[in-house]
Amino acid sequence: PIADESGLIVDIGEWVLRQACHQAKAWHDQGYTDLTISVNVSAVQFAQPRLLDVVNRALADSGLRPQALTLEITESVVMHDAESAVGMLRALKHMGVKLSIDDFGTGYSSLSYLRRFPIDILKIDKSFVGSLGVNDEDTAIVRAIMALAKSMRLTTIAEGVETERQVELLQREQCDRFQGYHFSRPIDIEALTARLM
């Protein structure tokens, strides 16, 4: 929050994006060409007109293919000023990067705007995933989000997956990908590289 309020998040976010692109390219050069990397974009970054230049420069400097980069933007950020968001998302999409809506289901969604956003991925918020099989309402929401995503030909990613039971329920609903402590806690570059070998 302090970085957001002070505006430092713009410089921090730019540094993170550059580092992520360079690391992904390094893994590609080691033969792991199927790996993609996702980078979160904050509300302050997304509102910056220079975001397009920052992304373009990070890709050009690293040599990373745009298709190997996914930018994650929270639902509340794109809905805050949906008209402007459509333009920015389309410009980013035109560059070739993938776009993901993070924490989907927790903010105010307009389905009419959602169909206009050129997104590739819907990430189901961990608050719903954590209640799968326990809370009928949350289970119904997860099913509805996945049905919506499939009808729009979007990839679904479940966030905060921590148990085998959650994996089983999500597989039954044909969720595409999973993210959470059940698979790995956050690890550094060296540890991740060692896992790839």
C-alpha atoms as a PDB file:
ATOM      1  CA  PRO A   1       0.000   0.000   0.000  1.00  0.00           C
ATOM      2  CA  ILE A   2       2.831   2.432   0.769  1.00  0.00           C
ATOM      3  CA  ALA A   3       4.388   1.795  -2.641  1.00  0.00           C
ATOM      4  CA  ASP A   4       1.008   2.417  -4.263  1.00  0.00           C
ATOM      5  CA  GLU A   5       0.352   5.624  -2.333  1.00  0.00           C
ATOM      6  CA  SER A   6       3.833   7.030  -2.937  1.00  0.00           C
ATOM      7  CA  GLY A   7       3.893   6.089  -6.616  1.00  0.00           C
ATOM      8  CA  LEU A   8       6.987   3.918  -6.086  1.00  0.00           C
ATOM      9  CA  ILE A   9       4.976   0.927  -7.326  1.00  0.00           C
ATOM     10  CA  VAL A  10       5.510   2.200 -10.882  1.00  0.00           C
ATOM     11  CA  ASP A  11       9.310   1.856 -10.615  1.00  0.00           C
ATOM     12  CA  ILE A  12       9.085  -1.344  -8.580  1.00  0.00           C
ATOM     13  CA  GLY A  13       6.635  -2.843 -11.045  1.00  0.00           C
ATOM     14  CA  GLU A  14       8.859  -1.936 -13.980  1.00  0.00           C
ATOM     15  CA  TRP A  15      11.874  -3.576 -12.286  1.00  0.00           C
ATOM     16  CA  VAL A  16       9.851  -6.724 -11.504  1.00  0.00           C
ATOM     17  CA  LEU A  17       8.607  -6.962 -15.082  1.00  0.00           C
ATOM     18  CA  ARG A  18      12.141  -6.616 -16.491  1.00  0.00           C
ATOM     19  CA  GLN A  19      13.505  -9.236 -14.082  1.00  0.00           C
ATOM     20  CA  ALA A  20      10.671 -11.663 -14.841  1.00  0.00           C
ATOM     21  CA  CYS A  21      11.139 -11.353 -18.606  1.00  0.00           C
ATOM     22  CA  HIS A  22      14.904 -11.848 -18.371  1.00  0.00           C
ATOM     23  CA  GLN A  23      14.477 -14.906 -16.138  1.00  0.00           C
ATOM     24  CA  ALA A  24      11.853 -16.465 -18.389  1.00  0.00           C
ATOM     25  CA  LYS A  25      14.166 -15.950 -21.385  1.00  0.00           C
ATOM     26  CA  ALA A  26      17.033 -17.556 -19.441  1.00  0.00           C
ATOM     27  CA  TRP A  27      14.867 -20.638 -18.811  1.00  0.00           C
ATOM     28  CA  HIS A  28      13.883 -20.711 -22.486  1.00  0.00           C
ATOM     29  CA  ASP A  29      17.572 -20.585 -23.448  1.00  0.00           C
ATOM     30  CA  GLN A  30      18.149 -23.595 -21.143  1.00  0.00           C
ATOM     31  CA  GLY A  31      15.589 -25.544 -23.163  1.00  0.00           C
ATOM     32  CA  TYR A  32      12.425 -24.972 -21.092  1.00  0.00           C
ATOM     33  CA  THR A  33      10.639 -23.235 -23.944  1.00  0.00           C
ATOM     34  CA  ASP A  34       7.130 -24.160 -22.776  1.00  0.00           C
ATOM     35  CA  LEU A  35       7.446 -22.099 -19.605  1.00  0.00           C
ATOM     36  CA  THR A  36       5.452 -18.890 -19.384  1.00  0.00           C
ATOM     37  CA  ILE A  37       5.671 -16.237 -16.707  1.00  0.00           C
ATOM     38  CA  SER A  38       2.939 -14.129 -15.089  1.00  0.00           C
ATOM     39  CA  VAL A  39       3.423 -10.674 -13.622  1.00  0.00           C
ATOM     40  CA  ASN A  40       0.894  -8.761 -11.537  1.00  0.00           C
ATOM     41  CA  VAL A  41       0.094  -5.206 -12.634  1.00  0.00           C
ATOM     42  CA  SER A  42      -1.109  -2.850  -9.909  1.00  0.00           C
ATOM     43  CA  ALA A  43      -3.899  -0.314 -10.298  1.00  0.00           C
ATOM     44  CA  VAL A  44      -1.380   2.545 -10.307  1.00  0.00           C
ATOM     45  CA  GLN A  45       0.708   0.865 -13.027  1.00  0.00           C
ATOM     46  CA  PHE A  46      -2.349   0.080 -15.129  1.00  0.00           C
ATOM     47  CA  ALA A  47      -3.388   3.740 -15.060  1.00  0.00           C
ATOM     48  CA  GLN A  48      -0.004   4.825 -16.454  1.00  0.00           C
ATOM     49  CA  PRO A  49      -0.093   5.600 -20.197  1.00  0.00           C
ATOM     50  CA  ARG A  50       3.571   4.523 -20.393  1.00  0.00           C
ATOM     51  CA  LEU A  51       2.676   0.936 -19.392  1.00  0.00           C
ATOM     52  CA  LEU A  52       2.697  -0.077 -23.054  1.00  0.00           C
ATOM     53  CA  ASP A  53       6.232   1.267 -23.511  1.00  0.00           C
ATOM     54  CA  VAL A  54       7.387  -0.427 -20.299  1.00  0.00           C
ATOM     55  CA  VAL A  55       6.061  -3.816 -21.412  1.00  0.00           C
ATOM     56  CA  ASN A  56       7.391  -3.400 -24.930  1.00  0.00           C
ATOM     57  CA  ARG A  57      10.847  -2.440 -23.658  1.00  0.00           C
ATOM     58  CA  ALA A  58      10.972  -5.337 -21.163  1.00  0.00           C
ATOM     59  CA  LEU A  59      10.171  -7.794 -23.951  1.00  0.00           C
ATOM     60  CA  ALA A  60      12.616  -6.224 -26.413  1.00  0.00           C
ATOM     61  CA  ASP A  61      15.495  -5.991 -23.909  1.00  0.00           C
ATOM     62  CA  SER A  62      15.049  -9.582 -22.729  1.00  0.00           C
ATOM     63  CA  GLY A  63      14.266 -11.135 -26.103  1.00  0.00           C
ATOM     64  CA  LEU A  64      11.265 -12.924 -24.579  1.00  0.00           C
ATOM     65  CA  ARG A  65       8.411 -13.820 -26.940  1.00  0.00           C
ATOM     66  CA  PRO A  66       5.303 -11.774 -26.012  1.00  0.00           C
ATOM     67  CA  GLN A  67       3.211 -14.975 -25.937  1.00  0.00           C
ATOM     68  CA  ALA A  68       5.336 -16.218 -23.005  1.00  0.00           C
ATOM     69  CA  LEU A  69       4.270 -13.278 -20.801  1.00  0.00           C
ATOM     70  CA  THR A  70       0.952 -13.030 -18.984  1.00  0.00           C
ATOM     71  CA  LEU A  71      -0.055  -9.795 -17.284  1.00  0.00           C
ATOM     72  CA  GLU A  72      -2.410 -10.265 -14.329  1.00  0.00           C
ATOM     73  CA  ILE A  73      -4.822  -7.433 -13.595  1.00  0.00           C
ATOM     74  CA  THR A  74      -7.377  -7.582 -10.789  1.00  0.00           C
ATOM     75  CA  GLU A  75     -11.056  -7.442 -11.597  1.00  0.00           C
ATOM     76  CA  SER A  76     -11.549  -4.258  -9.563  1.00  0.00           C
ATOM     77  CA  VAL A  77      -8.828  -2.442 -11.535  1.00  0.00           C
ATOM     78  CA  VAL A  78     -10.359  -3.092 -14.946  1.00  0.00           C
ATOM     79  CA  MET A  79     -13.869  -2.335 -13.703  1.00  0.00           C
ATOM     80  CA  HIS A  80     -12.839   0.951 -12.043  1.00  0.00           C
ATOM     81  CA  ASP A  81     -12.780   2.678 -15.429  1.00  0.00           C
ATOM     82  CA  ALA A  82     -13.969  -0.012 -17.801  1.00  0.00           C
ATOM     83  CA  GLU A  83     -13.960   2.167 -20.926  1.00  0.00           C
ATOM     84  CA  SER A  84     -10.303   3.121 -20.498  1.00  0.00           C
ATOM     85  CA  ALA A  85      -9.473  -0.440 -19.487  1.00  0.00           C
ATOM     86  CA  VAL A  86     -10.844  -1.809 -22.759  1.00  0.00           C
ATOM     87  CA  GLY A  87      -8.467   0.407 -24.720  1.00  0.00           C
ATOM     88  CA  MET A  88      -5.419  -0.474 -22.620  1.00  0.00           C
ATOM     89  CA  LEU A  89      -6.192  -4.201 -22.649  1.00  0.00           C
ATOM     90  CA  ARG A  90      -6.651  -4.190 -26.418  1.00  0.00           C
ATOM     91  CA  ALA A  91      -3.344  -2.381 -26.897  1.00  0.00           C
ATOM     92  CA  LEU A  92      -1.553  -4.894 -24.663  1.00  0.00           C
ATOM     93  CA  LYS A  93      -3.237  -7.780 -26.445  1.00  0.00           C
ATOM     94  CA  HIS A  94      -2.146  -6.336 -29.793  1.00  0.00           C
ATOM     95  CA  MET A  95       1.457  -6.611 -28.545  1.00  0.00           C
ATOM     96  CA  GLY A  96       0.931 -10.361 -28.208  1.00  0.00           C
ATOM     97  CA  VAL A  97       0.998 -10.757 -24.412  1.00  0.00           C
ATOM     98  CA  LYS A  98      -1.627 -12.829 -22.611  1.00  0.00           C
ATOM     99  CA  LEU A  99      -4.047 -11.156 -20.198  1.00  0.00           C
ATOM    100  CA  SER A 100      -5.477 -12.555 -17.005  1.00  0.00           C
ATOM    101  CA  ILE A 101      -8.196 -11.267 -14.686  1.00  0.00           C
ATOM    102  CA  ASP A 102      -7.000 -11.962 -11.149  1.00  0.00           C
ATOM    103  CA  ASP A 103      -9.235 -12.573  -8.087  1.00  0.00           C
ATOM    104  CA  PHE A 104     -12.258 -13.020 -10.335  1.00  0.00           C
ATOM    105  CA  GLY A 105     -15.587 -13.036  -8.520  1.00  0.00           C
ATOM    106  CA  THR A 106     -14.566 -10.734  -5.676  1.00  0.00           C
ATOM    107  CA  GLY A 107     -15.218  -7.380  -7.335  1.00  0.00           C
ATOM    108  CA  TYR A 108     -18.015  -5.795  -9.256  1.00  0.00           C
ATOM    109  CA  SER A 109     -18.233  -7.467 -12.645  1.00  0.00           C
ATOM    110  CA  SER A 110     -20.194  -6.314 -15.622  1.00  0.00           C
ATOM    111  CA  LEU A 111     -20.669  -9.205 -17.996  1.00  0.00           C
ATOM    112  CA  SER A 112     -21.228  -6.794 -20.859  1.00  0.00           C
ATOM    113  CA  TYR A 113     -17.733  -5.399 -20.286  1.00  0.00           C
ATOM    114  CA  LEU A 114     -16.216  -8.795 -19.624  1.00  0.00           C
ATOM    115  CA  ARG A 115     -17.089  -9.926 -23.130  1.00  0.00           C
ATOM    116  CA  ARG A 116     -15.374  -6.799 -24.530  1.00  0.00           C
ATOM    117  CA  PHE A 117     -12.149  -7.364 -22.622  1.00  0.00           C
ATOM    118  CA  PRO A 118      -9.643  -9.276 -24.787  1.00  0.00           C
ATOM    119  CA  ILE A 119      -8.600 -11.546 -21.936  1.00  0.00           C
ATOM    120  CA  ASP A 120      -7.237 -15.087 -22.028  1.00  0.00           C
ATOM    121  CA  ILE A 121      -7.512 -16.272 -18.432  1.00  0.00           C
ATOM    122  CA  LEU A 122      -9.933 -16.023 -15.502  1.00  0.00           C
ATOM    123  CA  LYS A 123      -8.377 -16.728 -12.109  1.00  0.00           C
ATOM    124  CA  ILE A 124     -10.900 -17.987  -9.543  1.00  0.00           C
ATOM    125  CA  ASP A 125     -10.266 -16.275  -6.211  1.00  0.00           C
ATOM    126  CA  LYS A 126      -8.920 -18.398  -3.353  1.00  0.00           C
ATOM    127  CA  SER A 127     -11.788 -17.316  -1.082  1.00  0.00           C
ATOM    128  CA  PHE A 128     -14.103 -19.484  -3.214  1.00  0.00           C
ATOM    129  CA  VAL A 129     -11.622 -22.313  -3.749  1.00  0.00           C
ATOM    130  CA  GLY A 130     -11.020 -22.619  -0.002  1.00  0.00           C
ATOM    131  CA  SER A 131     -14.717 -23.360   0.589  1.00  0.00           C
ATOM    132  CA  LEU A 132     -15.096 -25.912  -2.208  1.00  0.00           C
ATOM    133  CA  GLY A 133     -17.070 -28.929  -1.066  1.00  0.00           C
ATOM    134  CA  VAL A 134     -17.819 -27.197   2.262  1.00  0.00           C
ATOM    135  CA  ASN A 135     -19.932 -24.188   1.325  1.00  0.00           C
ATOM    136  CA  ASP A 136     -22.594 -24.914  -1.298  1.00  0.00           C
ATOM    137  CA  GLU A 137     -22.840 -21.278  -2.370  1.00  0.00           C
ATOM    138  CA  ASP A 138     -19.089 -20.951  -3.000  1.00  0.00           C
ATOM    139  CA  THR A 139     -19.068 -24.270  -4.850  1.00  0.00           C
ATOM    140  CA  ALA A 140     -21.901 -22.971  -7.046  1.00  0.00           C
ATOM    141  CA  ILE A 141     -19.959 -19.743  -7.714  1.00  0.00           C
ATOM    142  CA  VAL A 142     -16.869 -21.719  -8.786  1.00  0.00           C
ATOM    143  CA  ARG A 143     -19.006 -23.809 -11.138  1.00  0.00           C
ATOM    144  CA  ALA A 144     -20.631 -20.691 -12.578  1.00  0.00           C
ATOM    145  CA  ILE A 145     -17.278 -18.966 -13.153  1.00  0.00           C
ATOM    146  CA  MET A 146     -15.905 -22.056 -14.900  1.00  0.00           C
ATOM    147  CA  ALA A 147     -19.017 -22.396 -17.059  1.00  0.00           C
ATOM    148  CA  LEU A 148     -18.761 -18.712 -17.994  1.00  0.00           C
ATOM    149  CA  ALA A 149     -15.052 -19.065 -18.835  1.00  0.00           C
ATOM    150  CA  LYS A 150     -15.614 -22.146 -20.975  1.00  0.00           C
ATOM    151  CA  SER A 151     -18.433 -20.487 -22.913  1.00  0.00           C
ATOM    152  CA  MET A 152     -16.064 -17.563 -23.616  1.00  0.00           C
ATOM    153  CA  ARG A 153     -13.177 -19.949 -24.466  1.00  0.00           C
ATOM    154  CA  LEU A 154     -11.064 -18.677 -21.565  1.00  0.00           C
ATOM    155  CA  THR A 155      -8.568 -20.660 -19.521  1.00  0.00           C
ATOM    156  CA  THR A 156      -9.461 -21.082 -15.837  1.00  0.00           C
ATOM    157  CA  ILE A 157      -6.923 -21.045 -13.014  1.00  0.00           C
ATOM    158  CA  ALA A 158      -7.943 -21.843  -9.436  1.00  0.00           C
ATOM    159  CA  GLU A 159      -5.976 -19.829  -6.856  1.00  0.00           C
ATOM    160  CA  GLY A 160      -5.149 -20.944  -3.330  1.00  0.00           C
ATOM    161  CA  VAL A 161      -5.407 -24.705  -3.893  1.00  0.00           C
ATOM    162  CA  GLU A 162      -4.205 -26.343  -0.680  1.00  0.00           C
ATOM    163  CA  THR A 163      -5.713 -29.836  -0.503  1.00  0.00           C
ATOM    164  CA  GLU A 164      -6.046 -32.940  -2.641  1.00  0.00           C
ATOM    165  CA  ARG A 165      -9.816 -32.731  -2.124  1.00  0.00           C
ATOM    166  CA  GLN A 166      -9.878 -29.285  -3.764  1.00  0.00           C
ATOM    167  CA  VAL A 167      -7.840 -30.654  -6.675  1.00  0.00           C
ATOM    168  CA  GLU A 168     -10.306 -33.528  -7.131  1.00  0.00           C
ATOM    169  CA  LEU A 169     -13.340 -31.211  -7.070  1.00  0.00           C
ATOM    170  CA  LEU A 170     -11.728 -28.750  -9.478  1.00  0.00           C
ATOM    171  CA  GLN A 171     -10.702 -31.545 -11.848  1.00  0.00           C
ATOM    172  CA  ARG A 172     -14.265 -32.828 -11.776  1.00  0.00           C
ATOM    173  CA  GLU A 173     -15.404 -29.361 -12.869  1.00  0.00           C
ATOM    174  CA  GLN A 174     -12.692 -29.386 -15.576  1.00  0.00           C
ATOM    175  CA  CYS A 175     -10.658 -26.485 -14.238  1.00  0.00           C
ATOM    176  CA  ASP A 176      -7.658 -25.967 -16.531  1.00  0.00           C
ATOM    177  CA  ARG A 177      -4.880 -25.045 -14.094  1.00  0.00           C
ATOM    178  CA  PHE A 178      -4.167 -24.872 -10.378  1.00  0.00           C
ATOM    179  CA  GLN A 179      -2.064 -22.603  -8.195  1.00  0.00           C
ATOM    180  CA  GLY A 180      -1.382 -22.907  -4.491  1.00  0.00           C
ATOM    181  CA  TYR A 181       0.516 -24.403  -1.566  1.00  0.00           C
ATOM    182  CA  HIS A 182      -0.680 -27.920  -2.439  1.00  0.00           C
ATOM    183  CA  PHE A 183       1.871 -27.810  -5.262  1.00  0.00           C
ATOM    184  CA  SER A 184       4.528 -25.467  -3.895  1.00  0.00           C
ATOM    185  CA  ARG A 185       5.141 -22.611  -1.545  1.00  0.00           C
ATOM    186  CA  PRO A 186       6.980 -19.634  -3.057  1.00  0.00           C
ATOM    187  CA  ILE A 187      10.579 -20.575  -3.874  1.00  0.00           C
ATOM    188  CA  ASP A 188      13.573 -18.719  -5.279  1.00  0.00           C
ATOM    189  CA  ILE A 189      14.937 -18.914  -8.808  1.00  0.00           C
ATOM    190  CA  GLU A 190      17.684 -21.403  -7.947  1.00  0.00           C
ATOM    191  CA  ALA A 191      15.255 -23.829  -6.285  1.00  0.00           C
ATOM    192  CA  LEU A 192      12.785 -23.586  -9.161  1.00  0.00           C
ATOM    193  CA  THR A 193      15.525 -24.090 -11.749  1.00  0.00           C
ATOM    194  CA  ALA A 194      16.693 -27.191  -9.854  1.00  0.00           C
ATOM    195  CA  ARG A 195      13.141 -28.571  -9.970  1.00  0.00           C
ATOM    196  CA  LEU A 196      13.059 -28.153 -13.738  1.00  0.00           C
ATOM    197  CA  MET A 197      16.131 -30.327 -14.227  1.00  0.00           C
END
